[in-house]
């Protein structure tokens, strides 16, 4: 025997509403939910990946600097309302 205490009134109301909708007992709904949850918790669902050492794969990007002062260049400085700009960009259709 397992007793479950639900301290969340919102969740409790949802369970009772769902039970009435399905015309089942609350116990049956709870048991089905627990079974579904436990069935999904199998080892097969776990993602297996190898961890790599970031220090082994890190490298510095090297580029040649010609000495030109680029501090005055400000990309997208002509845009006053960035939200409107992005909104309009997303609405442009590719022809």
Protein backbone atom coordinates (compact mmCIF):
# COMPACT_ATOMS: atom_id res chain seq x y z
CA UNK A 1 0.00 0.00 0.00
CA UNK A 2 1.24 3.44 -0.92
CA UNK A 3 -0.28 6.69 0.32
CA UNK A 4 0.34 9.90 -1.58
CA UNK A 5 -0.23 13.31 -0.03
CA UNK A 6 -0.69 16.19 -2.48
CA UNK A 7 -0.07 19.60 -0.94
CA UNK A 8 -0.66 21.45 -4.21
CA UNK A 9 -4.34 22.41 -4.38
CA UNK A 10 -4.15 23.29 -8.09
CA UNK A 11 -2.73 19.87 -8.96
CA UNK A 12 -5.28 18.16 -6.74
CA UNK A 13 -8.14 19.95 -8.51
CA UNK A 14 -6.74 18.99 -11.91
CA UNK A 15 -6.54 15.33 -10.88
CA UNK A 16 -10.13 15.31 -9.60
CA UNK A 17 -11.37 17.10 -12.73
CA UNK A 18 -9.53 14.66 -14.99
CA UNK A 19 -10.92 11.69 -13.03
CA UNK A 20 -14.47 13.00 -13.44
CA UNK A 21 -13.89 13.61 -17.13
CA UNK A 22 -12.62 10.05 -17.67
CA UNK A 23 -15.24 8.61 -15.28
CA UNK A 24 -12.58 6.81 -13.26
CA UNK A 25 -11.53 6.79 -9.64
CA UNK A 26 -8.77 9.15 -8.55
CA UNK A 27 -6.73 6.12 -7.45
CA UNK A 28 -6.89 4.62 -10.96
CA UNK A 29 -5.81 7.88 -12.59
CA UNK A 30 -2.93 8.26 -10.13
CA UNK A 31 -1.74 4.69 -10.67
CA UNK A 32 -1.84 5.14 -14.47
CA UNK A 33 0.15 8.38 -14.20
CA UNK A 34 2.80 6.77 -11.99
CA UNK A 35 3.07 3.75 -14.31
CA UNK A 36 3.52 6.02 -17.35
CA UNK A 37 6.17 8.02 -15.54
CA UNK A 38 8.09 4.93 -14.47
CA UNK A 39 7.88 3.40 -17.95
CA UNK A 40 9.52 6.51 -19.39
CA UNK A 41 12.36 6.32 -16.87
CA UNK A 42 14.23 3.51 -18.58
CA UNK A 43 17.94 3.41 -19.30
CA UNK A 44 17.17 3.39 -23.04
CA UNK A 45 16.01 7.02 -22.89
CA UNK A 46 19.31 8.29 -21.53
CA UNK A 47 21.61 10.06 -23.95
CA UNK A 48 25.07 8.57 -23.96
CA UNK A 49 27.88 10.85 -24.99
CA UNK A 50 31.57 11.13 -24.36
CA UNK A 51 32.88 14.14 -22.53
CA UNK A 52 35.84 15.85 -24.10
CA UNK A 53 38.47 17.90 -22.41
CA UNK A 54 37.93 21.49 -23.60
CA UNK A 55 41.54 22.40 -22.89
CA UNK A 56 42.67 19.75 -25.36
CA UNK A 57 40.59 21.17 -28.23
CA UNK A 58 40.95 24.87 -27.48
CA UNK A 59 42.89 27.05 -29.89
CA UNK A 60 43.51 30.74 -30.30
CA UNK A 61 42.19 32.53 -33.37
CA UNK A 62 44.97 34.46 -35.03
CA UNK A 63 44.44 37.21 -37.57
CA UNK A 64 46.56 39.94 -39.00
CA UNK A 65 45.84 43.45 -37.81
CA UNK A 66 46.68 46.16 -40.33
CA UNK A 67 46.50 48.89 -37.68
CA UNK A 68 43.36 50.57 -39.02
CA UNK A 69 41.20 52.18 -36.32
CA UNK A 70 37.75 50.57 -36.51
CA UNK A 71 36.37 51.95 -33.24
CA UNK A 72 34.02 54.34 -35.10
CA UNK A 73 32.25 51.52 -36.98
CA UNK A 74 28.96 50.55 -35.38
CA UNK A 75 26.99 47.92 -37.29
CA UNK A 76 23.19 48.33 -37.26
CA UNK A 77 23.44 51.83 -35.76
CA UNK A 78 20.87 53.02 -38.32
CA UNK A 79 18.15 50.94 -36.61
CA UNK A 80 16.05 52.95 -34.17
CA UNK A 81 13.56 50.25 -33.06
CA UNK A 82 15.23 46.85 -32.98
CA UNK A 83 11.99 44.99 -32.16
CA UNK A 84 10.25 46.48 -35.22
CA UNK A 85 13.29 45.76 -37.38
CA UNK A 86 13.33 42.06 -36.41
CA UNK A 87 9.55 41.87 -36.76
CA UNK A 88 9.75 43.26 -40.29
CA UNK A 89 12.67 40.98 -41.21
CA UNK A 90 10.67 37.92 -40.19
CA UNK A 91 7.75 39.02 -42.39
CA UNK A 92 9.85 39.36 -45.56
CA UNK A 93 9.02 36.56 -47.96
CA UNK A 94 11.72 34.94 -50.01
CA UNK A 95 10.83 35.10 -53.67
